[in-house]
Amino acid sequence: MHKRHCAVMPPAFSDLAIALDTPPMEATLASEIPSGEGWQFEPKWDGFRCLAFREGDAVELMSKSGKPLARYFPEVAEAILALDVPRLVLDGELVLPVGDILSFAALQLRLHPAASRIAKLSRDTPAQLMLFDALQIGDDALLERPLAERRKALERFMRRAAGPRLHLSPATRDPRVAADWFERSGKALDGIVAKRLDGSYEAGERAMVKVKQQRTADCVVGGYREGKNGVGSLLLGLYDRDGKLDYVGYTSSFSDDERAALKAKLAADHGASPFTGNSPGGVSRWSRGRGSSEWEPLKGDLVVEVIYDQVTGGRFRHGTTFLRWRPDKRSDQCTREQLEHELSPAALAQVLEGA
């Protein structure tokens, strides 16, 4: 059994066959959905990955990094505690519907030190656990069983366990169905995960395959930060409905040669800050001695197309990948409407109903 770093099993969970510090099985990134026989395909949910443990009256939700989450999501812990199976280890994704979307930003708000705040949020915007694998159900340890057997065990279990807080994630063995999820979801679906049906649960190993949506956006280049070999990153903006340019993230995927050439390309575009909405921070007045938060403003006439993964709080959650310059596009055409495809549970349910 894979161990992370804890040498001693907490007493409350000492009778489980699966250690509390067991990390979840992970995935390698691929550009295409695997073909051929022997695969199971599942939606890739945009939430907090976690393993749910129960031993009698003790419940814990462990994050991918090994941090306990149950205190932040008491409504999910209570749902697991209410089940009629006293020993459980389940793999899933914590998701949080807000209105008609699944909100990663709302999940982040749960990581709050005040118990009173967590209690209020758990009542007002309760989270859900989307389950897709089982490591132990009752006294039956499933870690070494092939996925096909684990999935059947999970489906039998979820026939009596499903409820408003606990859901069974859809799955299919048909790659054409998985490909159709991509095409019909309008890019609301974050991706597809492929698992070998004959594979055991390899804790902590990249034994799955994930294929993510390639989402692109045309953005205004509103400024840049210096790097060691020239331009370090381009600062990106999008116009809101009121015509204000908001800072939404950056792109820094350039080679050293490209960074040096960028400086010359941007020289003619220097000007006052175009960010009339949210800004990256204070503008540097000096060309030397810049800190990590200092940046140079540009006029905002240049447009680039970038590849991104997720959006949280109106900004790209991670750094984007530079795709190409867009001299054919006006900066005022770069609007937030490009990002309006957040994951809708109702719409996605229709896409996946045939799974």
Protein backbone atom coordinates (compact mmCIF):
# COMPACT_ATOMS: atom_id res chain seq x y z
CA MET A 1 0.00 0.00 0.00
CA HIS A 2 1.23 3.44 -0.95
CA LYS A 3 2.14 5.68 1.99
CA ARG A 4 2.45 9.44 1.87
CA HIS A 5 4.10 10.64 5.06
CA CYS A 6 2.12 9.59 8.14
CA ALA A 7 3.68 6.72 10.03
CA VAL A 8 0.75 6.12 12.40
CA MET A 9 -2.91 5.58 11.50
CA PRO A 10 -5.15 7.86 13.60
CA PRO A 11 -6.98 5.68 16.19
CA ALA A 12 -10.43 6.61 14.81
CA PHE A 13 -9.55 5.02 11.46
CA SER A 14 -7.23 2.22 12.57
CA ASP A 15 -9.62 -0.58 11.56
CA LEU A 16 -9.88 0.51 7.94
CA ALA A 17 -8.02 -1.53 5.32
CA ILE A 18 -7.00 1.72 3.59
CA ALA A 19 -4.72 4.18 5.40
CA LEU A 20 -5.93 7.74 5.93
CA ASP A 21 -2.79 9.09 4.23
CA THR A 22 -3.41 7.11 1.01
CA PRO A 23 -3.15 9.55 -1.93
CA PRO A 24 -5.66 9.37 -4.79
CA MET A 25 -4.77 7.84 -8.12
CA GLU A 26 -3.78 10.54 -10.60
CA ALA A 27 -3.68 11.02 -14.37
CA THR A 28 -1.32 11.95 -17.18
CA LEU A 29 -2.41 14.54 -19.74
CA ALA A 30 -3.13 13.39 -23.29
CA SER A 31 -4.25 15.21 -26.41
CA GLU A 32 -6.84 12.64 -27.52
CA ILE A 33 -9.35 10.30 -25.93
CA PRO A 34 -7.89 6.76 -25.96
CA SER A 35 -9.40 4.37 -28.50
CA GLY A 36 -9.83 0.64 -28.47
CA GLU A 37 -11.27 -1.80 -25.95
CA GLY A 38 -10.77 -1.94 -22.22
CA TRP A 39 -11.34 1.70 -21.23
CA GLN A 40 -13.86 3.40 -18.98
CA PHE A 41 -14.51 7.09 -19.58
CA GLU A 42 -15.80 9.62 -17.04
CA PRO A 43 -16.39 13.38 -16.91
CA LYS A 44 -13.60 15.43 -15.40
CA TRP A 45 -15.21 17.58 -12.71
CA ASP A 46 -13.87 21.00 -11.74
CA GLY A 47 -13.78 20.80 -7.94
CA PHE A 48 -11.71 19.56 -4.99
CA ARG A 49 -10.50 15.98 -5.41
CA CYS A 50 -10.84 14.03 -2.18
CA LEU A 51 -10.96 10.60 -0.60
CA ALA A 52 -13.83 10.11 1.84
CA PHE A 53 -13.11 7.90 4.88
CA ARG A 54 -15.59 6.57 7.42
CA GLU A 55 -14.95 4.33 10.39
CA GLY A 56 -17.96 4.12 12.68
CA ASP A 57 -18.78 7.63 13.89
CA ALA A 58 -15.58 9.16 12.46
CA VAL A 59 -15.60 10.74 8.99
CA GLU A 60 -12.79 12.55 7.17
CA LEU A 61 -12.43 14.03 3.70
CA MET A 62 -8.79 14.08 2.60
CA SER A 63 -7.61 16.42 -0.15
CA LYS A 64 -5.16 15.43 -2.87
CA SER A 65 -2.42 17.23 -0.92
CA GLY A 66 -3.21 15.26 2.25
CA LYS A 67 -5.07 18.01 4.12
CA PRO A 68 -8.33 17.24 5.96
CA LEU A 69 -11.44 18.91 4.52
CA ALA A 70 -14.34 17.54 6.59
CA ARG A 71 -14.52 20.61 8.86
CA TYR A 72 -14.98 22.81 5.78
CA PHE A 73 -17.74 20.63 4.29
CA PRO A 74 -19.76 19.38 7.31
CA GLU A 75 -22.89 18.75 5.21
CA VAL A 76 -20.99 16.18 3.10
CA ALA A 77 -19.45 14.55 6.19
CA GLU A 78 -22.92 14.30 7.74
CA ALA A 79 -24.29 12.65 4.60
CA ILE A 80 -21.57 9.99 4.75
CA LEU A 81 -22.16 9.48 8.47
CA ALA A 82 -25.88 8.92 7.83
CA LEU A 83 -25.21 5.93 5.55
CA ASP A 84 -25.88 2.40 6.78
CA VAL A 85 -22.33 1.21 5.99
CA PRO A 86 -19.95 1.83 8.93
CA ARG A 87 -16.69 1.44 6.96
CA LEU A 88 -16.04 3.31 3.74
CA VAL A 89 -13.24 4.70 1.58
CA LEU A 90 -14.55 6.41 -1.55
CA ASP A 91 -12.89 8.53 -4.24
CA GLY A 92 -14.64 11.56 -5.66
CA GLU A 93 -14.76 15.27 -6.34
CA LEU A 94 -16.28 17.94 -4.12
CA VAL A 95 -18.36 20.27 -6.28
CA LEU A 96 -20.55 23.20 -5.31
CA PRO A 97 -23.60 24.31 -7.31
CA VAL A 98 -24.42 28.00 -7.04
CA GLY A 99 -27.54 28.82 -8.99
CA ASP A 100 -27.15 27.01 -12.29
CA ILE A 101 -23.36 26.61 -12.31
CA LEU A 102 -20.69 24.65 -10.47
CA SER A 103 -18.55 27.30 -8.77
CA PHE A 104 -14.89 26.66 -7.96
CA ALA A 105 -14.72 30.12 -6.37
CA ALA A 106 -17.47 29.13 -3.92
CA LEU A 107 -15.48 26.02 -3.00
CA GLN A 108 -12.46 28.18 -2.20
CA LEU A 109 -14.58 30.37 0.10
CA ARG A 110 -15.23 27.30 2.25
CA LEU A 111 -11.57 27.16 3.32
CA HIS A 112 -12.29 29.65 6.08
CA PRO A 113 -10.96 29.63 9.66
CA ALA A 114 -14.28 30.65 11.27
CA ALA A 115 -16.58 27.73 12.09
CA SER A 116 -19.60 30.06 12.13
CA ARG A 117 -18.85 31.17 8.57
CA ILE A 118 -18.46 27.59 7.37
CA ALA A 119 -21.74 26.61 9.06
CA LYS A 120 -23.59 29.44 7.31
CA LEU A 121 -22.14 28.61 3.90
CA SER A 122 -22.89 24.91 4.33
CA ARG A 123 -26.56 25.81 4.86
CA ASP A 124 -26.82 28.48 2.17
CA THR A 125 -24.74 26.81 -0.56
CA PRO A 126 -24.31 23.12 0.30
CA ALA A 127 -21.64 21.14 -1.53
CA GLN A 128 -21.92 17.73 -3.17
CA LEU A 129 -19.55 14.79 -3.48
CA MET A 130 -19.44 13.33 -6.99
CA LEU A 131 -18.24 9.74 -6.49
CA PHE A 132 -16.40 7.77 -9.17
CA ASP A 133 -14.40 5.03 -7.40
CA ALA A 134 -14.46 2.83 -4.30
CA LEU A 135 -11.46 1.63 -2.28
CA GLN A 136 -13.40 0.02 0.56
CA ILE A 137 -17.09 -0.68 1.19
CA GLY A 138 -17.88 -2.33 4.50
CA ASP A 139 -15.21 -4.93 5.20
CA ASP A 140 -14.54 -5.41 1.49
CA ALA A 141 -11.21 -3.80 0.52
CA LEU A 142 -11.24 -3.05 -3.22
CA LEU A 143 -7.86 -1.42 -3.77
CA GLU A 144 -6.38 -4.41 -5.62
CA ARG A 145 -9.54 -5.23 -7.58
CA PRO A 146 -9.83 -4.23 -11.26
CA LEU A 147 -11.80 -1.10 -12.02
CA ALA A 148 -14.64 -3.10 -13.61
CA GLU A 149 -15.30 -4.78 -10.24
CA ARG A 150 -14.84 -1.57 -8.25
CA ARG A 151 -17.33 0.26 -10.47
CA LYS A 152 -19.96 -2.47 -10.04
CA ALA A 153 -19.47 -2.36 -6.27
CA LEU A 154 -19.81 1.43 -6.28
CA GLU A 155 -22.96 1.31 -8.41
CA ARG A 156 -24.57 -1.24 -6.07
CA PHE A 157 -23.64 0.90 -3.09
CA MET A 158 -24.94 4.12 -4.67
CA ARG A 159 -28.37 2.60 -5.37
CA ARG A 160 -29.08 3.11 -1.68
CA ALA A 161 -26.58 5.88 -0.88
CA ALA A 162 -27.35 8.49 -3.55
CA GLY A 163 -28.96 11.68 -2.30
CA PRO A 164 -28.71 15.47 -2.49
CA ARG A 165 -25.15 15.45 -1.13
CA LEU A 166 -23.81 12.23 -2.70
CA HIS A 167 -23.94 11.48 -6.44
CA LEU A 168 -22.61 8.77 -8.74
CA SER A 169 -20.51 10.24 -11.55
CA PRO A 170 -21.55 8.92 -15.00
CA ALA A 171 -19.30 6.53 -16.90
CA THR A 172 -19.22 4.91 -20.33
CA ARG A 173 -17.06 2.32 -22.09
CA ASP A 174 -17.78 3.80 -25.52
CA PRO A 175 -15.15 6.35 -26.68
CA ARG A 176 -17.69 7.75 -29.15
CA VAL A 177 -19.98 8.68 -26.27
CA ALA A 178 -17.08 10.32 -24.43
CA ALA A 179 -16.17 12.28 -27.57
CA ASP A 180 -19.80 13.35 -27.90
CA TRP A 181 -19.69 14.76 -24.35
CA PHE A 182 -16.94 17.09 -25.52
CA GLU A 183 -18.77 18.18 -28.64
CA ARG A 184 -22.21 18.71 -27.09
CA SER A 185 -21.20 20.29 -23.77
CA GLY A 186 -20.29 23.64 -25.34
CA LYS A 187 -16.95 23.42 -23.52
CA ALA A 188 -18.79 23.41 -20.18
CA LEU A 189 -17.24 20.02 -19.44
CA ASP A 190 -13.70 20.39 -18.05
CA GLY A 191 -12.45 17.19 -19.66
CA ILE A 192 -12.59 13.42 -19.87
CA VAL A 193 -10.78 10.88 -17.67
CA ALA A 194 -9.97 7.43 -19.10
CA LYS A 195 -9.22 4.42 -16.87
CA ARG A 196 -8.26 0.86 -17.71
CA LEU A 197 -11.07 -1.53 -16.79
CA ASP A 198 -8.58 -4.20 -15.75
CA GLY A 199 -6.43 -1.82 -13.68
CA SER A 200 -6.17 -1.85 -9.90
CA TYR A 201 -6.34 1.37 -7.89
CA GLU A 202 -2.75 2.66 -8.02
CA ALA A 203 -2.68 5.19 -5.18
CA GLY A 204 -0.47 8.18 -5.87
CA GLU A 205 0.44 6.96 -9.37
CA ARG A 206 -0.46 8.56 -12.71
CA ALA A 207 -2.33 5.49 -13.89
CA MET A 208 -5.23 7.29 -15.60
CA VAL A 209 -5.41 9.45 -18.72
CA LYS A 210 -7.07 12.87 -18.82
CA VAL A 211 -8.02 14.83 -21.90
CA LYS A 212 -8.87 18.47 -21.24
CA GLN A 213 -10.83 20.92 -23.31
CA GLN A 214 -8.71 23.33 -25.32
CA ARG A 215 -10.35 26.64 -24.55
CA THR A 216 -9.09 29.75 -26.27
CA ALA A 217 -9.72 33.45 -25.79
CA ASP A 218 -8.66 36.59 -27.63
CA CYS A 219 -7.26 39.06 -25.08
CA VAL A 220 -5.97 42.61 -25.00
CA VAL A 221 -2.29 42.92 -24.06
CA GLY A 222 -2.52 45.68 -21.46
CA GLY A 223 1.02 45.50 -20.13
CA TYR A 224 3.97 43.26 -19.36
CA ARG A 225 6.34 42.28 -16.60
CA GLU A 226 10.08 42.11 -17.05
CA GLY A 227 11.95 38.80 -16.93
CA LYS A 228 15.60 37.79 -16.81
CA ASN A 229 15.92 37.55 -20.58
CA GLY A 230 13.46 40.21 -21.71
CA VAL A 231 9.70 40.20 -21.32
CA GLY A 232 8.67 37.82 -18.54
CA SER A 233 4.91 37.79 -19.10
CA LEU A 234 2.16 39.59 -20.98
CA LEU A 235 -0.74 40.93 -18.89
CA LEU A 236 -4.12 40.14 -20.39
CA GLY A 237 -7.39 42.03 -20.32
CA LEU A 238 -11.02 41.55 -21.36
CA TYR A 239 -13.78 44.14 -21.63
CA ASP A 240 -16.85 43.79 -19.42
CA ARG A 241 -20.42 44.68 -20.38
CA ASP A 242 -19.85 48.30 -19.31
CA GLY A 243 -16.85 48.67 -21.60
CA LYS A 244 -14.24 48.56 -18.83
CA LEU A 245 -11.05 46.59 -19.40
CA ASP A 246 -10.40 44.10 -16.58
CA TYR A 247 -7.13 42.34 -15.89
CA VAL A 248 -7.84 38.59 -16.24
CA GLY A 249 -4.43 36.89 -16.13
CA TYR A 250 -1.15 36.47 -17.95
CA THR A 251 0.76 34.40 -20.47
CA SER A 252 4.46 33.61 -20.14
CA SER A 253 5.00 30.59 -22.41
CA PHE A 254 7.87 32.03 -24.45
CA SER A 255 11.38 30.85 -25.25
CA ASP A 256 14.38 33.03 -24.37
CA ASP A 257 14.72 34.15 -27.99
CA GLU A 258 11.04 35.07 -28.13
CA ARG A 259 11.30 37.04 -24.87
CA ALA A 260 14.07 39.20 -26.28
CA ALA A 261 12.13 39.85 -29.50
CA LEU A 262 8.97 40.72 -27.57
CA LYS A 263 10.63 43.77 -26.03
CA ALA A 264 11.14 45.30 -29.48
CA LYS A 265 7.59 44.42 -30.56
CA LEU A 266 6.07 46.09 -27.50
CA ALA A 267 8.23 49.22 -27.62
CA ALA A 268 5.84 51.08 -29.93
CA ASP A 269 2.81 50.25 -27.78
CA HIS A 270 3.89 51.93 -24.54
CA GLY A 271 1.30 54.23 -23.02
CA ALA A 272 -0.97 54.87 -20.06
CA SER A 273 -2.60 51.89 -18.42
CA PRO A 274 -5.61 50.68 -20.43
CA PHE A 275 -7.05 48.77 -17.44
CA THR A 276 -10.12 50.82 -16.52
CA GLY A 277 -11.66 48.03 -14.44
CA ASN A 278 -9.69 45.55 -12.33
CA SER A 279 -5.94 46.23 -12.54
CA PRO A 280 -2.86 44.01 -12.06
CA GLY A 281 -1.50 46.44 -9.43
CA GLY A 282 0.58 49.58 -9.19
CA VAL A 283 2.40 50.71 -12.32
CA SER A 284 6.17 50.89 -12.16
CA ARG A 285 7.71 54.31 -12.90
CA TRP A 286 11.20 52.89 -13.21
CA SER A 287 12.88 50.72 -15.78
CA ARG A 288 15.19 49.04 -13.25
CA GLY A 289 14.84 47.29 -9.92
CA ARG A 290 11.33 45.98 -10.53
CA GLY A 291 9.63 43.77 -7.98
CA SER A 292 7.37 40.88 -8.86
CA SER A 293 4.24 43.08 -8.71
CA GLU A 294 5.59 45.89 -10.93
CA TRP A 295 4.65 46.09 -14.57
CA GLU A 296 4.84 48.30 -17.63
CA PRO A 297 1.59 49.57 -19.19
CA LEU A 298 0.82 49.39 -22.89
CA LYS A 299 -1.79 51.22 -24.95
CA GLY A 300 -3.93 48.11 -25.26
CA ASP A 301 -3.93 47.97 -29.07
CA LEU A 302 -2.33 44.51 -29.35
CA VAL A 303 -4.44 41.35 -29.26
CA VAL A 304 -3.30 37.77 -28.60
CA GLU A 305 -5.07 34.43 -28.61
CA VAL A 306 -4.26 32.21 -25.61
CA ILE A 307 -5.18 28.73 -24.44
CA TYR A 308 -6.56 28.48 -20.89
CA ASP A 309 -8.09 25.83 -18.67
CA GLN A 310 -10.37 27.22 -15.96
CA VAL A 311 -11.76 30.58 -14.90
CA THR A 312 -12.22 31.47 -11.21
CA GLY A 313 -13.51 34.76 -9.89
CA GLY A 314 -13.50 36.27 -13.36
CA ARG A 315 -9.81 35.50 -14.00
CA PHE A 316 -7.84 32.67 -15.56
CA ARG A 317 -7.05 30.33 -12.68
CA HIS A 318 -3.60 29.45 -14.05
CA GLY A 319 -1.16 30.98 -16.48
CA THR A 320 -2.28 30.70 -20.10
CA THR A 321 -0.43 29.38 -23.15
CA PHE A 322 0.35 31.85 -25.93
CA LEU A 323 -1.15 30.68 -29.23
CA ARG A 324 -0.76 33.54 -31.72
CA TRP A 325 -1.02 37.27 -32.31
CA ARG A 326 -4.35 38.52 -33.68
CA PRO A 327 -3.62 41.62 -35.84
CA ASP A 328 -6.96 40.98 -37.55
CA LYS A 329 -8.96 41.65 -34.40
CA ARG A 330 -9.78 44.95 -32.66
CA SER A 331 -9.11 45.17 -28.96
CA ASP A 332 -12.72 46.20 -28.21
CA GLN A 333 -13.84 42.84 -29.60
CA CYS A 334 -12.07 41.07 -26.71
CA THR A 335 -14.95 40.68 -24.26
CA ARG A 336 -15.78 38.51 -21.29
CA GLU A 337 -18.53 36.83 -23.30
CA GLN A 338 -15.85 34.42 -24.57
CA LEU A 339 -15.64 32.92 -21.08
CA GLU A 340 -19.37 32.46 -20.50
CA HIS A 341 -19.53 28.67 -20.68
CA GLU A 342 -19.36 27.81 -16.99
CA LEU A 343 -20.41 24.29 -16.07
CA SER A 344 -24.20 24.09 -15.76
CA PRO A 345 -25.46 21.00 -13.90
CA ALA A 346 -28.79 21.07 -15.75
CA ALA A 347 -27.23 21.39 -19.20
CA LEU A 348 -24.54 18.83 -18.49
CA ALA A 349 -27.10 16.35 -17.17
CA GLN A 350 -28.73 16.37 -20.60
CA VAL A 351 -25.38 15.76 -22.29
CA LEU A 352 -24.57 12.83 -20.01
CA GLU A 353 -28.03 11.31 -19.60
CA GLY A 354 -27.23 8.48 -21.99
CA ALA A 355 -24.14 7.40 -20.03
